[in-house]
Amino acid sequence: MTEVEIEYCVPCGFRDRALDVQQAILTGLETELDSVSLVMGDHGIFQVRADGNVVYDKEENGLDVDDIVREIRAQ
């Protein structure tokens, strides 16, 4: 089973984006996961990690929720 963390920048207002990603992950993978947690951050961060491995970083990737779900499934 997999633990997923979504770290998002609070001052940047990324909470809604984090909630959308969380919902998509739960919809697609709920029975395959141990947990999905939101982690509040700052300095523009928006990362999704599966078992500690970064599967999405806004600094490197365009936001595609389906790609994030696929990357987590591949983990």
Protein backbone atom coordinates (compact mmCIF):
# COMPACT_ATOMS: atom_id res chain seq x y z
CA MET A 1 0.00 0.00 0.00
CA THR A 2 1.06 3.58 -0.60
CA GLU A 3 1.16 6.75 1.47
CA VAL A 4 0.61 9.96 -0.51
CA GLU A 5 1.43 13.50 0.64
CA ILE A 6 0.34 16.64 -1.16
CA GLU A 7 2.38 19.64 0.01
CA TYR A 8 1.01 23.00 -1.04
CA CYS A 9 1.84 26.66 -0.52
CA VAL A 10 -0.68 28.27 1.85
CA PRO A 11 0.26 31.92 1.12
CA CYS A 12 -0.02 31.22 -2.64
CA GLY A 13 -3.60 30.00 -2.27
CA PHE A 14 -2.92 26.49 -3.60
CA ARG A 15 -5.36 24.80 -1.18
CA ASP A 16 -8.13 24.38 -3.78
CA ARG A 17 -5.63 22.86 -6.22
CA ALA A 18 -4.43 20.46 -3.49
CA LEU A 19 -8.01 19.46 -2.69
CA ASP A 20 -8.72 18.81 -6.39
CA VAL A 21 -5.63 16.58 -6.67
CA GLN A 22 -6.56 14.79 -3.43
CA GLN A 23 -10.07 14.10 -4.74
CA ALA A 24 -8.74 12.74 -8.04
CA ILE A 25 -6.28 10.47 -6.22
CA LEU A 26 -8.97 9.15 -3.91
CA THR A 27 -11.39 8.62 -6.78
CA GLY A 28 -8.86 6.65 -8.81
CA LEU A 29 -6.84 4.84 -6.17
CA GLU A 30 -8.69 4.81 -2.84
CA THR A 31 -8.56 1.04 -2.32
CA GLU A 32 -4.83 0.94 -3.16
CA LEU A 33 -3.70 3.56 -0.62
CA ASP A 34 -2.90 3.63 3.08
CA SER A 35 -3.31 7.40 3.34
CA VAL A 36 -3.54 10.68 1.48
CA SER A 37 -2.51 13.72 3.49
CA LEU A 38 -2.31 17.43 2.90
CA VAL A 39 0.84 19.18 4.15
CA MET A 40 0.83 22.95 4.47
CA GLY A 41 3.92 24.68 3.12
CA ASP A 42 5.14 27.99 1.74
CA HIS A 43 7.60 29.49 -0.77
CA GLY A 44 5.48 28.43 -3.77
CA ILE A 45 5.70 24.68 -3.18
CA PHE A 46 3.27 22.25 -4.74
CA GLN A 47 4.51 18.67 -4.67
CA VAL A 48 2.90 15.25 -4.60
CA ARG A 49 4.91 12.44 -3.03
CA ALA A 50 4.17 8.71 -2.95
CA ASP A 51 6.08 6.84 -0.26
CA GLY A 52 8.52 9.76 -0.07
CA ASN A 53 9.23 9.86 -3.83
CA VAL A 54 8.25 13.03 -5.68
CA VAL A 55 5.77 12.13 -8.43
CA TYR A 56 4.81 15.73 -9.20
CA ASP A 57 6.55 19.07 -8.66
CA LYS A 58 5.02 22.25 -10.07
CA GLU A 59 8.53 23.57 -10.71
CA GLU A 60 9.17 20.73 -13.18
CA ASN A 61 5.77 19.65 -14.54
CA GLY A 62 2.55 21.13 -15.83
CA LEU A 63 -0.44 20.25 -13.67
CA ASP A 64 -2.18 17.21 -15.13
CA VAL A 65 -4.16 15.42 -12.45
CA ASP A 66 -4.53 12.27 -14.57
CA ASP A 67 -0.73 12.08 -14.94
CA ILE A 68 -0.33 12.40 -11.17
CA VAL A 69 -2.77 9.52 -10.58
CA ARG A 70 -0.95 7.39 -13.19
CA GLU A 71 2.44 8.10 -11.56
CA ILE A 72 1.13 7.11 -8.14
CA ARG A 73 -0.40 3.92 -9.58
CA ALA A 74 2.98 3.10 -11.14
CA GLN A 75 4.59 3.36 -7.69
